[in-house]
Amino acid sequence: VFYPFTFTGICEGELCRLRDDHSQFTDAGVAVLAVSCDSKNSQKVWAEQQGYTFPVLSDFWPHGEVAQAYGVFNEALGCANRATFVIGTDGTIVDAFETENLGVAREADRYTEALAKL
């Protein structure tokens, strides 16, 4: 799950929803990984404050390299777009979805639809 920035309202809301609904992912055998281009230090503080139960990973340096590899790096803003990839145990991308606008959260139902494809 790529998200633009730590300590921002929409990103916090999305990741808190993933935290609160984490059992739907673990029950499906899915590991949730959250990734942004923020520094690992700011992410660590934020993740601890929010009580996230999944890894929050830094794509800070080389800046945005992982987001670029997935085609979701926003060059103009220097951050990852709001994008989700569901990857099967064989490494293939089973589903992917992205919001058109960074100011719009992902639809919660979209995760359920993606898990059904596994």
PDB file of N, CA and C in Angstrom:
ATOM      1  N   VAL A   1       0.856  -1.159   0.000  1.00  0.00           N
ATOM      2  CA  VAL A   1       0.000   0.000   0.000  1.00  0.00           C
ATOM      3  C   VAL A   1       0.907   1.227   0.000  1.00  0.00           C
ATOM      4  N   PHE A   2       0.951   1.937  -1.110  1.00  0.00           N
ATOM      5  CA  PHE A   2       1.705   3.184  -1.183  1.00  0.00           C
ATOM      6  C   PHE A   2       0.815   4.324  -0.706  1.00  0.00           C
ATOM      7  N   TYR A   3       1.386   5.225   0.079  1.00  0.00           N
ATOM      8  CA  TYR A   3       0.661   6.413   0.522  1.00  0.00           C
ATOM      9  C   TYR A   3       1.598   7.614   0.406  1.00  0.00           C
ATOM     10  N   PRO A   4       1.052   8.824   0.199  1.00  0.00           N
ATOM     11  CA  PRO A   4       1.893   9.986  -0.065  1.00  0.00           C
ATOM     12  C   PRO A   4       2.755  10.459   1.111  1.00  0.00           C
ATOM     13  N   PHE A   5       2.149  10.738   2.259  1.00  0.00           N
ATOM     14  CA  PHE A   5       2.901  11.372   3.347  1.00  0.00           C
ATOM     15  C   PHE A   5       2.429  10.912   4.724  1.00  0.00           C
ATOM     16  N   THR A   6       3.386  10.789   5.649  1.00  0.00           N
ATOM     17  CA  THR A   6       3.040  10.533   7.042  1.00  0.00           C
ATOM     18  C   THR A   6       2.478  11.816   7.659  1.00  0.00           C
ATOM     19  N   PHE A   7       1.815  11.659   8.779  1.00  0.00           N
ATOM     20  CA  PHE A   7       1.245  12.781   9.540  1.00  0.00           C
ATOM     21  C   PHE A   7       0.275  13.628   8.719  1.00  0.00           C
ATOM     22  N   THR A   8      -0.451  13.015   7.798  1.00  0.00           N
ATOM     23  CA  THR A   8      -1.475  13.734   7.044  1.00  0.00           C
ATOM     24  C   THR A   8      -2.810  13.012   7.217  1.00  0.00           C
ATOM     25  N   GLY A   9      -3.876  13.776   7.186  1.00  0.00           N
ATOM     26  CA  GLY A   9      -5.199  13.267   7.525  1.00  0.00           C
ATOM     27  C   GLY A   9      -5.687  12.084   6.711  1.00  0.00           C
ATOM     28  N   ILE A  10      -5.639  12.194   5.390  1.00  0.00           N
ATOM     29  CA  ILE A  10      -6.166  11.107   4.557  1.00  0.00           C
ATOM     30  C   ILE A  10      -5.317   9.848   4.711  1.00  0.00           C
ATOM     31  N   CYS A  11      -3.997  10.009   4.694  1.00  0.00           N
ATOM     32  CA  CYS A  11      -3.111   8.846   4.834  1.00  0.00           C
ATOM     33  C   CYS A  11      -3.322   8.178   6.192  1.00  0.00           C
ATOM     34  N   GLU A  12      -3.432   8.995   7.231  1.00  0.00           N
ATOM     35  CA  GLU A  12      -3.666   8.447   8.562  1.00  0.00           C
ATOM     36  C   GLU A  12      -4.991   7.686   8.608  1.00  0.00           C
ATOM     37  N   GLY A  13      -6.027   8.267   8.037  1.00  0.00           N
ATOM     38  CA  GLY A  13      -7.330   7.603   8.012  1.00  0.00           C
ATOM     39  C   GLY A  13      -7.284   6.272   7.280  1.00  0.00           C
ATOM     40  N   GLU A  14      -6.600   6.261   6.136  1.00  0.00           N
ATOM     41  CA  GLU A  14      -6.505   5.018   5.362  1.00  0.00           C
ATOM     42  C   GLU A  14      -5.749   3.936   6.128  1.00  0.00           C
ATOM     43  N   LEU A  15      -4.599   4.301   6.693  1.00  0.00           N
ATOM     44  CA  LEU A  15      -3.804   3.300   7.393  1.00  0.00           C
ATOM     45  C   LEU A  15      -4.455   2.863   8.703  1.00  0.00           C
ATOM     46  N   CYS A  16      -5.169   3.767   9.370  1.00  0.00           N
ATOM     47  CA  CYS A  16      -5.905   3.363  10.576  1.00  0.00           C
ATOM     48  C   CYS A  16      -7.014   2.378  10.212  1.00  0.00           C
ATOM     49  N   ARG A  17      -7.642   2.577   9.074  1.00  0.00           N
ATOM     50  CA  ARG A  17      -8.671   1.632   8.620  1.00  0.00           C
ATOM     51  C   ARG A  17      -8.036   0.261   8.357  1.00  0.00           C
ATOM     52  N   LEU A  18      -6.849   0.247   7.743  1.00  0.00           N
ATOM     53  CA  LEU A  18      -6.152  -1.027   7.515  1.00  0.00           C
ATOM     54  C   LEU A  18      -5.788  -1.678   8.848  1.00  0.00           C
ATOM     55  N   ARG A  19      -5.364  -0.862   9.805  1.00  0.00           N
ATOM     56  CA  ARG A  19      -5.049  -1.381  11.145  1.00  0.00           C
ATOM     57  C   ARG A  19      -6.293  -1.988  11.784  1.00  0.00           C
ATOM     58  N   ASP A  20      -7.403  -1.258  11.727  1.00  0.00           N
ATOM     59  CA  ASP A  20      -8.630  -1.710  12.380  1.00  0.00           C
ATOM     60  C   ASP A  20      -9.245  -2.927  11.693  1.00  0.00           C
ATOM     61  N   ASP A  21      -9.034  -3.052  10.393  1.00  0.00           N
ATOM     62  CA  ASP A  21      -9.565  -4.181   9.617  1.00  0.00           C
ATOM     63  C   ASP A  21      -8.490  -5.221   9.305  1.00  0.00           C
ATOM     64  N   HIS A  22      -7.412  -5.209  10.064  1.00  0.00           N
ATOM     65  CA  HIS A  22      -6.249  -6.041   9.748  1.00  0.00           C
ATOM     66  C   HIS A  22      -6.581  -7.528   9.688  1.00  0.00           C
ATOM     67  N   SER A  23      -7.562  -7.971  10.464  1.00  0.00           N
ATOM     68  CA  SER A  23      -7.891  -9.403  10.475  1.00  0.00           C
ATOM     69  C   SER A  23      -8.397  -9.885   9.117  1.00  0.00           C
ATOM     70  N   GLN A  24      -9.049  -9.021   8.340  1.00  0.00           N
ATOM     71  CA  GLN A  24      -9.507  -9.470   7.012  1.00  0.00           C
ATOM     72  C   GLN A  24      -8.313  -9.830   6.126  1.00  0.00           C
ATOM     73  N   PHE A  25      -7.189  -9.174   6.353  1.00  0.00           N
ATOM     74  CA  PHE A  25      -5.988  -9.470   5.570  1.00  0.00           C
ATOM     75  C   PHE A  25      -5.276 -10.704   6.112  1.00  0.00           C
ATOM     76  N   THR A  26      -5.086 -10.762   7.426  1.00  0.00           N
ATOM     77  CA  THR A  26      -4.395 -11.921   8.001  1.00  0.00           C
ATOM     78  C   THR A  26      -5.208 -13.197   7.800  1.00  0.00           C
ATOM     79  N   ASP A  27      -6.536 -13.096   7.891  1.00  0.00           N
ATOM     80  CA  ASP A  27      -7.386 -14.269   7.653  1.00  0.00           C
ATOM     81  C   ASP A  27      -7.237 -14.783   6.221  1.00  0.00           C
ATOM     82  N   ALA A  28      -6.918 -13.878   5.293  1.00  0.00           N
ATOM     83  CA  ALA A  28      -6.725 -14.253   3.885  1.00  0.00           C
ATOM     84  C   ALA A  28      -5.269 -14.620   3.594  1.00  0.00           C
ATOM     85  N   GLY A  29      -4.421 -14.613   4.642  1.00  0.00           N
ATOM     86  CA  GLY A  29      -3.009 -14.934   4.451  1.00  0.00           C
ATOM     87  C   GLY A  29      -2.229 -13.824   3.774  1.00  0.00           C
ATOM     88  N   VAL A  30      -2.707 -12.588   3.928  1.00  0.00           N
ATOM     89  CA  VAL A  30      -2.095 -11.440   3.258  1.00  0.00           C
ATOM     90  C   VAL A  30      -1.314 -10.602   4.262  1.00  0.00           C
ATOM     91  N   ALA A  31      -0.097 -10.236   3.898  1.00  0.00           N
ATOM     92  CA  ALA A  31       0.707  -9.320   4.695  1.00  0.00           C
ATOM     93  C   ALA A  31       0.514  -7.913   4.144  1.00  0.00           C
ATOM     94  N   VAL A  32       0.234  -6.969   5.022  1.00  0.00           N
ATOM     95  CA  VAL A  32       0.086  -5.570   4.625  1.00  0.00           C
ATOM     96  C   VAL A  32       1.421  -4.875   4.846  1.00  0.00           C
ATOM     97  N   LEU A  33       1.886  -4.170   3.827  1.00  0.00           N
ATOM     98  CA  LEU A  33       3.090  -3.349   3.914  1.00  0.00           C
ATOM     99  C   LEU A  33       2.715  -1.956   3.440  1.00  0.00           C
ATOM    100  N   ALA A  34       2.974  -0.944   4.250  1.00  0.00           N
ATOM    101  CA  ALA A  34       2.681   0.437   3.877  1.00  0.00           C
ATOM    102  C   ALA A  34       3.993   1.118   3.510  1.00  0.00           C
ATOM    103  N   VAL A  35       4.003   1.860   2.399  1.00  0.00           N
ATOM    104  CA  VAL A  35       5.239   2.454   1.881  1.00  0.00           C
ATOM    105  C   VAL A  35       5.008   3.910   1.506  1.00  0.00           C
ATOM    106  N   SER A  36       5.916   4.784   1.966  1.00  0.00           N
ATOM    107  CA  SER A  36       5.919   6.177   1.506  1.00  0.00           C
ATOM    108  C   SER A  36       7.370   6.623   1.341  1.00  0.00           C
ATOM    109  N   CYS A  37       7.540   7.789   0.770  1.00  0.00           N
ATOM    110  CA  CYS A  37       8.882   8.329   0.535  1.00  0.00           C
ATOM    111  C   CYS A  37       9.391   9.151   1.717  1.00  0.00           C
ATOM    112  N   ASP A  38       8.691   9.110   2.842  1.00  0.00           N
ATOM    113  CA  ASP A  38       9.128   9.822   4.037  1.00  0.00           C
ATOM    114  C   ASP A  38      10.310   9.102   4.679  1.00  0.00           C
ATOM    115  N   SER A  39      11.027   9.814   5.549  1.00  0.00           N
ATOM    116  CA  SER A  39      12.177   9.209   6.222  1.00  0.00           C
ATOM    117  C   SER A  39      11.710   8.141   7.206  1.00  0.00           C
ATOM    118  N   LYS A  40      12.577   7.177   7.450  1.00  0.00           N
ATOM    119  CA  LYS A  40      12.212   6.088   8.357  1.00  0.00           C
ATOM    120  C   LYS A  40      11.994   6.598   9.779  1.00  0.00           C
ATOM    121  N   ASN A  41      12.692   7.672  10.161  1.00  0.00           N
ATOM    122  CA  ASN A  41      12.525   8.196  11.514  1.00  0.00           C
ATOM    123  C   ASN A  41      11.129   8.782  11.720  1.00  0.00           C
ATOM    124  N   SER A  42      10.650   9.565  10.758  1.00  0.00           N
ATOM    125  CA  SER A  42       9.306  10.136  10.906  1.00  0.00           C
ATOM    126  C   SER A  42       8.254   9.032  10.825  1.00  0.00           C
ATOM    127  N   GLN A  43       8.478   8.053   9.972  1.00  0.00           N
ATOM    128  CA  GLN A  43       7.526   6.947   9.863  1.00  0.00           C
ATOM    129  C   GLN A  43       7.457   6.137  11.154  1.00  0.00           C
ATOM    130  N   LYS A  44       8.612   5.931  11.776  1.00  0.00           N
ATOM    131  CA  LYS A  44       8.647   5.149  13.015  1.00  0.00           C
ATOM    132  C   LYS A  44       7.813   5.823  14.099  1.00  0.00           C
ATOM    133  N   VAL A  45       8.016   7.127  14.276  1.00  0.00           N
ATOM    134  CA  VAL A  45       7.261   7.870  15.289  1.00  0.00           C
ATOM    135  C   VAL A  45       5.769   7.804  14.986  1.00  0.00           C
ATOM    136  N   TRP A  46       5.416   8.056  13.736  1.00  0.00           N
ATOM    137  CA  TRP A  46       4.011   8.057  13.320  1.00  0.00           C
ATOM    138  C   TRP A  46       3.378   6.685  13.522  1.00  0.00           C
ATOM    139  N   ALA A  47       4.067   5.632  13.095  1.00  0.00           N
ATOM    140  CA  ALA A  47       3.539   4.270  13.223  1.00  0.00           C
ATOM    141  C   ALA A  47       3.329   3.899  14.694  1.00  0.00           C
ATOM    142  N   GLU A  48       4.260   4.307  15.548  1.00  0.00           N
ATOM    143  CA  GLU A  48       4.117   4.021  16.981  1.00  0.00           C
ATOM    144  C   GLU A  48       2.937   4.784  17.569  1.00  0.00           C
ATOM    145  N   GLN A  49       2.791   6.057  17.188  1.00  0.00           N
ATOM    146  CA  GLN A  49       1.675   6.862  17.691  1.00  0.00           C
ATOM    147  C   GLN A  49       0.325   6.274  17.280  1.00  0.00           C
ATOM    148  N   GLN A  50       0.257   5.745  16.070  1.00  0.00           N
ATOM    149  CA  GLN A  50      -1.003   5.220  15.538  1.00  0.00           C
ATOM    150  C   GLN A  50      -1.237   3.750  15.886  1.00  0.00           C
ATOM    151  N   GLY A  51      -0.214   3.068  16.374  1.00  0.00           N
ATOM    152  CA  GLY A  51      -0.353   1.658  16.736  1.00  0.00           C
ATOM    153  C   GLY A  51      -0.560   0.746  15.542  1.00  0.00           C
ATOM    154  N   TYR A  52       0.108   1.067  14.439  1.00  0.00           N
ATOM    155  CA  TYR A  52      -0.032   0.220  13.253  1.00  0.00           C
ATOM    156  C   TYR A  52       0.523  -1.164  13.543  1.00  0.00           C
ATOM    157  N   THR A  53      -0.177  -2.174  13.064  1.00  0.00           N
ATOM    158  CA  THR A  53       0.181  -3.568  13.339  1.00  0.00           C
ATOM    159  C   THR A  53       0.857  -4.223  12.143  1.00  0.00           C
ATOM    160  N   PHE A  54       1.305  -3.416  11.209  1.00  0.00           N
ATOM    161  CA  PHE A  54       1.962  -3.892   9.994  1.00  0.00           C
ATOM    162  C   PHE A  54       3.172  -2.997   9.748  1.00  0.00           C
ATOM    163  N   PRO A  55       4.141  -3.462   8.969  1.00  0.00           N
ATOM    164  CA  PRO A  55       5.326  -2.651   8.696  1.00  0.00           C
ATOM    165  C   PRO A  55       4.992  -1.384   7.902  1.00  0.00           C
ATOM    166  N   VAL A  56       5.614  -0.288   8.315  1.00  0.00           N
ATOM    167  CA  VAL A  56       5.536   0.983   7.596  1.00  0.00           C
ATOM    168  C   VAL A  56       6.953   1.235   7.080  1.00  0.00           C
ATOM    169  N   LEU A  57       7.117   1.179   5.769  1.00  0.00           N
ATOM    170  CA  LEU A  57       8.439   1.166   5.148  1.00  0.00           C
ATOM    171  C   LEU A  57       8.777   2.489   4.474  1.00  0.00           C
ATOM    172  N   SER A  58      10.062   2.826   4.496  1.00  0.00           N
ATOM    173  CA  SER A  58      10.539   4.071   3.905  1.00  0.00           C
ATOM    174  C   SER A  58      11.157   3.836   2.534  1.00  0.00           C
ATOM    175  N   ASP A  59      10.695   4.611   1.575  1.00  0.00           N
ATOM    176  CA  ASP A  59      11.243   4.621   0.212  1.00  0.00           C
ATOM    177  C   ASP A  59      11.974   5.953   0.001  1.00  0.00           C
ATOM    178  N   PHE A  60      12.655   6.393   1.073  1.00  0.00           N
ATOM    179  CA  PHE A  60      13.273   7.719   1.099  1.00  0.00           C
ATOM    180  C   PHE A  60      14.517   7.822   0.219  1.00  0.00           C
ATOM    181  N   TRP A  61      15.400   6.807   0.318  1.00  0.00           N
ATOM    182  CA  TRP A  61      16.636   6.891  -0.455  1.00  0.00           C
ATOM    183  C   TRP A  61      17.034   5.531  -0.978  1.00  0.00           C
ATOM    184  N   PRO A  62      17.381   5.412  -2.237  1.00  0.00           N
ATOM    185  CA  PRO A  62      17.231   6.454  -3.258  1.00  0.00           C
ATOM    186  C   PRO A  62      15.763   6.876  -3.353  1.00  0.00           C
ATOM    187  N   HIS A  63      15.546   8.166  -3.376  1.00  0.00           N
ATOM    188  CA  HIS A  63      14.212   8.743  -3.219  1.00  0.00           C
ATOM    189  C   HIS A  63      13.203   8.179  -4.212  1.00  0.00           C
ATOM    190  N   GLY A  64      12.203   7.488  -3.653  1.00  0.00           N
ATOM    191  CA  GLY A  64      11.101   6.984  -4.461  1.00  0.00           C
ATOM    192  C   GLY A  64      11.437   5.833  -5.391  1.00  0.00           C
ATOM    193  N   GLU A  65      12.536   5.148  -5.159  1.00  0.00           N
ATOM    194  CA  GLU A  65      12.963   4.083  -6.073  1.00  0.00           C
ATOM    195  C   GLU A  65      11.925   2.956  -6.192  1.00  0.00           C
ATOM    196  N   VAL A  66      11.348   2.559  -5.072  1.00  0.00           N
ATOM    197  CA  VAL A  66      10.357   1.480  -5.108  1.00  0.00           C
ATOM    198  C   VAL A  66       9.075   1.966  -5.778  1.00  0.00           C
ATOM    199  N   ALA A  67       8.625   3.165  -5.417  1.00  0.00           N
ATOM    200  CA  ALA A  67       7.424   3.732  -6.055  1.00  0.00           C
ATOM    201  C   ALA A  67       7.635   3.871  -7.562  1.00  0.00           C
ATOM    202  N   GLN A  68       8.832   4.267  -7.967  1.00  0.00           N
ATOM    203  CA  GLN A  68       9.132   4.373  -9.402  1.00  0.00           C
ATOM    204  C   GLN A  68       9.050   3.005 -10.070  1.00  0.00           C
ATOM    205  N   ALA A  69       9.579   1.983  -9.394  1.00  0.00           N
ATOM    206  CA  ALA A  69       9.560   0.631  -9.961  1.00  0.00           C
ATOM    207  C   ALA A  69       8.127   0.132 -10.177  1.00  0.00           C
ATOM    208  N   TYR A  70       7.213   0.562  -9.326  1.00  0.00           N
ATOM    209  CA  TYR A  70       5.803   0.181  -9.464  1.00  0.00           C
ATOM    210  C   TYR A  70       5.012   1.174 -10.315  1.00  0.00           C
ATOM    211  N   GLY A  71       5.681   2.224 -10.795  1.00  0.00           N
ATOM    212  CA  GLY A  71       5.023   3.200 -11.664  1.00  0.00           C
ATOM    213  C   GLY A  71       4.071   4.136 -10.952  1.00  0.00           C
ATOM    214  N   VAL A  72       4.293   4.368  -9.647  1.00  0.00           N
ATOM    215  CA  VAL A  72       3.371   5.215  -8.889  1.00  0.00           C
ATOM    216  C   VAL A  72       4.064   6.399  -8.210  1.00  0.00           C
ATOM    217  N   PHE A  73       5.265   6.753  -8.670  1.00  0.00           N
ATOM    218  CA  PHE A  73       5.965   7.902  -8.096  1.00  0.00           C
ATOM    219  C   PHE A  73       5.473   9.175  -8.761  1.00  0.00           C
ATOM    220  N   ASN A  74       5.112  10.149  -7.956  1.00  0.00           N
ATOM    221  CA  ASN A  74       4.631  11.438  -8.441  1.00  0.00           C
ATOM    222  C   ASN A  74       5.820  12.396  -8.485  1.00  0.00           C
ATOM    223  N   GLU A  75       6.384  12.575  -9.663  1.00  0.00           N
ATOM    224  CA  GLU A  75       7.575  13.418  -9.832  1.00  0.00           C
ATOM    225  C   GLU A  75       7.329  14.853  -9.376  1.00  0.00           C
ATOM    226  N   ALA A  76       6.165  15.387  -9.687  1.00  0.00           N
ATOM    227  CA  ALA A  76       5.865  16.786  -9.371  1.00  0.00           C
ATOM    228  C   ALA A  76       5.848  17.045  -7.868  1.00  0.00           C
ATOM    229  N   LEU A  77       5.368  16.086  -7.098  1.00  0.00           N
ATOM    230  CA  LEU A  77       5.252  16.264  -5.652  1.00  0.00           C
ATOM    231  C   LEU A  77       6.335  15.534  -4.865  1.00  0.00           C
ATOM    232  N   GLY A  78       7.097  14.661  -5.521  1.00  0.00           N
ATOM    233  CA  GLY A  78       8.162  13.926  -4.843  1.00  0.00           C
ATOM    234  C   GLY A  78       7.652  12.903  -3.844  1.00  0.00           C
ATOM    235  N   CYS A  79       6.507  12.312  -4.155  1.00  0.00           N
ATOM    236  CA  CYS A  79       5.916  11.329  -3.244  1.00  0.00           C
ATOM    237  C   CYS A  79       5.292  10.197  -4.049  1.00  0.00           C
ATOM    238  N   ALA A  80       4.900   9.168  -3.333  1.00  0.00           N
ATOM    239  CA  ALA A  80       4.169   8.073  -3.978  1.00  0.00           C
ATOM    240  C   ALA A  80       2.717   8.490  -4.150  1.00  0.00           C
ATOM    241  N   ASN A  81       2.115   8.049  -5.227  1.00  0.00           N
ATOM    242  CA  ASN A  81       0.674   8.211  -5.377  1.00  0.00           C
ATOM    243  C   ASN A  81      -0.021   7.250  -4.422  1.00  0.00           C
ATOM    244  N   ARG A  82      -1.290   7.462  -4.210  1.00  0.00           N
ATOM    245  CA  ARG A  82      -2.104   6.598  -3.355  1.00  0.00           C
ATOM    246  C   ARG A  82      -2.454   5.359  -4.178  1.00  0.00           C
ATOM    247  N   ALA A  83      -1.660   4.281  -4.027  1.00  0.00           N
ATOM    248  CA  ALA A  83      -1.808   3.093  -4.875  1.00  0.00           C
ATOM    249  C   ALA A  83      -1.672   1.823  -4.042  1.00  0.00           C
ATOM    250  N   THR A  84      -2.377   0.793  -4.466  1.00  0.00           N
ATOM    251  CA  THR A  84      -2.360  -0.493  -3.773  1.00  0.00           C
ATOM    252  C   THR A  84      -2.090  -1.606  -4.768  1.00  0.00           C
ATOM    253  N   PHE A  85      -1.223  -2.532  -4.369  1.00  0.00           N
ATOM    254  CA  PHE A  85      -0.921  -3.713  -5.174  1.00  0.00           C
ATOM    255  C   PHE A  85      -1.165  -4.940  -4.309  1.00  0.00           C
ATOM    256  N   VAL A  86      -1.939  -5.867  -4.817  1.00  0.00           N
ATOM    257  CA  VAL A  86      -2.140  -7.154  -4.154  1.00  0.00           C
ATOM    258  C   VAL A  86      -1.299  -8.151  -4.932  1.00  0.00           C
ATOM    259  N   ILE A  87      -0.320  -8.720  -4.239  1.00  0.00           N
ATOM    260  CA  ILE A  87       0.660  -9.590  -4.888  1.00  0.00           C
ATOM    261  C   ILE A  87       0.491 -11.011  -4.360  1.00  0.00           C
ATOM    262  N   GLY A  88       0.335 -11.954  -5.267  1.00  0.00           N
ATOM    263  CA  GLY A  88       0.162 -13.355  -4.901  1.00  0.00           C
ATOM    264  C   GLY A  88       1.437 -13.965  -4.358  1.00  0.00           C
ATOM    265  N   THR A  89       1.329 -15.148  -3.786  1.00  0.00           N
ATOM    266  CA  THR A  89       2.493 -15.825  -3.217  1.00  0.00           C
ATOM    267  C   THR A  89       3.533 -16.171  -4.275  1.00  0.00           C
ATOM    268  N   ASP A  90       3.109 -16.225  -5.544  1.00  0.00           N
ATOM    269  CA  ASP A  90       4.061 -16.503  -6.624  1.00  0.00           C
ATOM    270  C   ASP A  90       4.713 -15.230  -7.162  1.00  0.00           C
ATOM    271  N   GLY A  91       4.392 -14.076  -6.551  1.00  0.00           N
ATOM    272  CA  GLY A  91       5.014 -12.818  -6.952  1.00  0.00           C
ATOM    273  C   GLY A  91       4.285 -12.065  -8.048  1.00  0.00           C
ATOM    274  N   THR A  92       3.183 -12.601  -8.548  1.00  0.00           N
ATOM    275  CA  THR A  92       2.443 -11.897  -9.596  1.00  0.00           C
ATOM    276  C   THR A  92       1.460 -10.909  -8.973  1.00  0.00           C
ATOM    277  N   ILE A  93       1.243  -9.804  -9.662  1.00  0.00           N
ATOM    278  CA  ILE A  93       0.283  -8.804  -9.204  1.00  0.00           C
ATOM    279  C   ILE A  93      -1.113  -9.303  -9.553  1.00  0.00           C
ATOM    280  N   VAL A  94      -1.905  -9.570  -8.529  1.00  0.00           N
ATOM    281  CA  VAL A  94      -3.255 -10.097  -8.680  1.00  0.00           C
ATOM    282  C   VAL A  94      -4.237  -8.961  -8.945  1.00  0.00           C
ATOM    283  N   ASP A  95      -4.008  -7.827  -8.305  1.00  0.00           N
ATOM    284  CA  ASP A  95      -4.868  -6.659  -8.477  1.00  0.00           C
ATOM    285  C   ASP A  95      -4.071  -5.414  -8.116  1.00  0.00           C
ATOM    286  N   ALA A  96      -4.452  -4.303  -8.714  1.00  0.00           N
ATOM    287  CA  ALA A  96      -3.824  -3.018  -8.416  1.00  0.00           C
ATOM    288  C   ALA A  96      -4.867  -1.931  -8.593  1.00  0.00           C
ATOM    289  N   PHE A  97      -4.825  -0.949  -7.710  1.00  0.00           N
ATOM    290  CA  PHE A  97      -5.723   0.193  -7.857  1.00  0.00           C
ATOM    291  C   PHE A  97      -5.064   1.441  -7.286  1.00  0.00           C
ATOM    292  N   GLU A  98      -5.458   2.578  -7.843  1.00  0.00           N
ATOM    293  CA  GLU A  98      -4.821   3.851  -7.526  1.00  0.00           C
ATOM    294  C   GLU A  98      -5.872   4.952  -7.620  1.00  0.00           C
ATOM    295  N   THR A  99      -5.777   5.942  -6.741  1.00  0.00           N
ATOM    296  CA  THR A  99      -6.698   7.070  -6.837  1.00  0.00           C
ATOM    297  C   THR A  99      -6.153   8.075  -7.846  1.00  0.00           C
ATOM    298  N   GLU A 100      -7.043   8.743  -8.529  1.00  0.00           N
ATOM    299  CA  GLU A 100      -6.654   9.757  -9.522  1.00  0.00           C
ATOM    300  C   GLU A 100      -6.133  11.018  -8.845  1.00  0.00           C
ATOM    301  N   ASN A 101      -6.590  11.273  -7.622  1.00  0.00           N
ATOM    302  CA  ASN A 101      -6.312  12.516  -6.919  1.00  0.00           C
ATOM    303  C   ASN A 101      -5.760  12.173  -5.536  1.00  0.00           C
ATOM    304  N   LEU A 102      -4.621  12.760  -5.161  1.00  0.00           N
ATOM    305  CA  LEU A 102      -4.037  12.471  -3.850  1.00  0.00           C
ATOM    306  C   LEU A 102      -4.948  12.898  -2.709  1.00  0.00           C
ATOM    307  N   GLY A 103      -5.865  13.821  -2.971  1.00  0.00           N
ATOM    308  CA  GLY A 103      -6.779  14.302  -1.947  1.00  0.00           C
ATOM    309  C   GLY A 103      -7.996  13.422  -1.742  1.00  0.00           C
ATOM    310  N   VAL A 104      -8.028  12.268  -2.404  1.00  0.00           N
ATOM    311  CA  VAL A 104      -9.166  11.352  -2.299  1.00  0.00           C
ATOM    312  C   VAL A 104      -8.675  10.003  -1.772  1.00  0.00           C
ATOM    313  N   ALA A 105      -9.317   9.531  -0.720  1.00  0.00           N
ATOM    314  CA  ALA A 105      -8.949   8.235  -0.139  1.00  0.00           C
ATOM    315  C   ALA A 105      -9.434   7.087  -1.014  1.00  0.00           C
ATOM    316  N   ARG A 106      -8.762   5.959  -0.879  1.00  0.00           N
ATOM    317  CA  ARG A 106      -9.209   4.739  -1.558  1.00  0.00           C
ATOM    318  C   ARG A 106     -10.517   4.263  -0.944  1.00  0.00           C
ATOM    319  N   GLU A 107     -11.344   3.634  -1.749  1.00  0.00           N
ATOM    320  CA  GLU A 107     -12.603   3.060  -1.262  1.00  0.00           C
ATOM    321  C   GLU A 107     -12.297   1.794  -0.462  1.00  0.00           C
ATOM    322  N   ALA A 108     -12.858   1.693   0.731  1.00  0.00           N
ATOM    323  CA  ALA A 108     -12.610   0.536   1.592  1.00  0.00           C
ATOM    324  C   ALA A 108     -13.048  -0.768   0.931  1.00  0.00           C
ATOM    325  N   ASP A 109     -14.143  -0.733   0.188  1.00  0.00           N
ATOM    326  CA  ASP A 109     -14.640  -1.941  -0.478  1.00  0.00           C
ATOM    327  C   ASP A 109     -13.656  -2.478  -1.505  1.00  0.00           C
ATOM    328  N   ARG A 110     -12.809  -1.628  -1.997  1.00  0.00           N
ATOM    329  CA  ARG A 110     -11.847  -2.042  -3.030  1.00  0.00           C
ATOM    330  C   ARG A 110     -10.880  -3.090  -2.492  1.00  0.00           C
ATOM    331  N   TYR A 111     -10.548  -3.016  -1.208  1.00  0.00           N
ATOM    332  CA  TYR A 111      -9.669  -4.020  -0.602  1.00  0.00           C
ATOM    333  C   TYR A 111     -10.357  -5.386  -0.565  1.00  0.00           C
ATOM    334  N   THR A 112     -11.630  -5.391  -0.208  1.00  0.00           N
ATOM    335  CA  THR A 112     -12.390  -6.642  -0.165  1.00  0.00           C
ATOM    336  C   THR A 112     -12.457  -7.272  -1.550  1.00  0.00           C
ATOM    337  N   GLU A 113     -12.693  -6.453  -2.565  1.00  0.00           N
ATOM    338  CA  GLU A 113     -12.729  -6.947  -3.947  1.00  0.00           C
ATOM    339  C   GLU A 113     -11.383  -7.542  -4.343  1.00  0.00           C
ATOM    340  N   ALA A 114     -10.302  -6.869  -3.951  1.00  0.00           N
ATOM    341  CA  ALA A 114      -8.962  -7.350  -4.299  1.00  0.00           C
ATOM    342  C   ALA A 114      -8.660  -8.679  -3.618  1.00  0.00           C
ATOM    343  N   LEU A 115      -9.024  -8.803  -2.347  1.00  0.00           N
ATOM    344  CA  LEU A 115      -8.769 -10.054  -1.624  1.00  0.00           C
ATOM    345  C   LEU A 115      -9.544 -11.218  -2.225  1.00  0.00           C
ATOM    346  N   ALA A 116     -10.705 -10.941  -2.772  1.00  0.00           N
ATOM    347  CA  ALA A 116     -11.517 -11.997  -3.389  1.00  0.00           C
ATOM    348  C   ALA A 116     -10.847 -12.577  -4.631  1.00  0.00           C
ATOM    349  N   LYS A 117      -9.892 -11.855  -5.199  1.00  0.00           N
ATOM    350  CA  LYS A 117      -9.202 -12.323  -6.407  1.00  0.00           C
ATOM    351  C   LYS A 117      -8.061 -13.286  -6.099  1.00  0.00           C
ATOM    352  N   LEU A 118      -7.729 -13.432  -4.829  1.00  0.00           N
ATOM    353  CA  LEU A 118      -6.628 -14.336  -4.461  1.00  0.00           C
ATOM    354  C   LEU A 118      -7.049 -15.786  -4.565  1.00  0.00           C
TER     355      LEU A 118
END
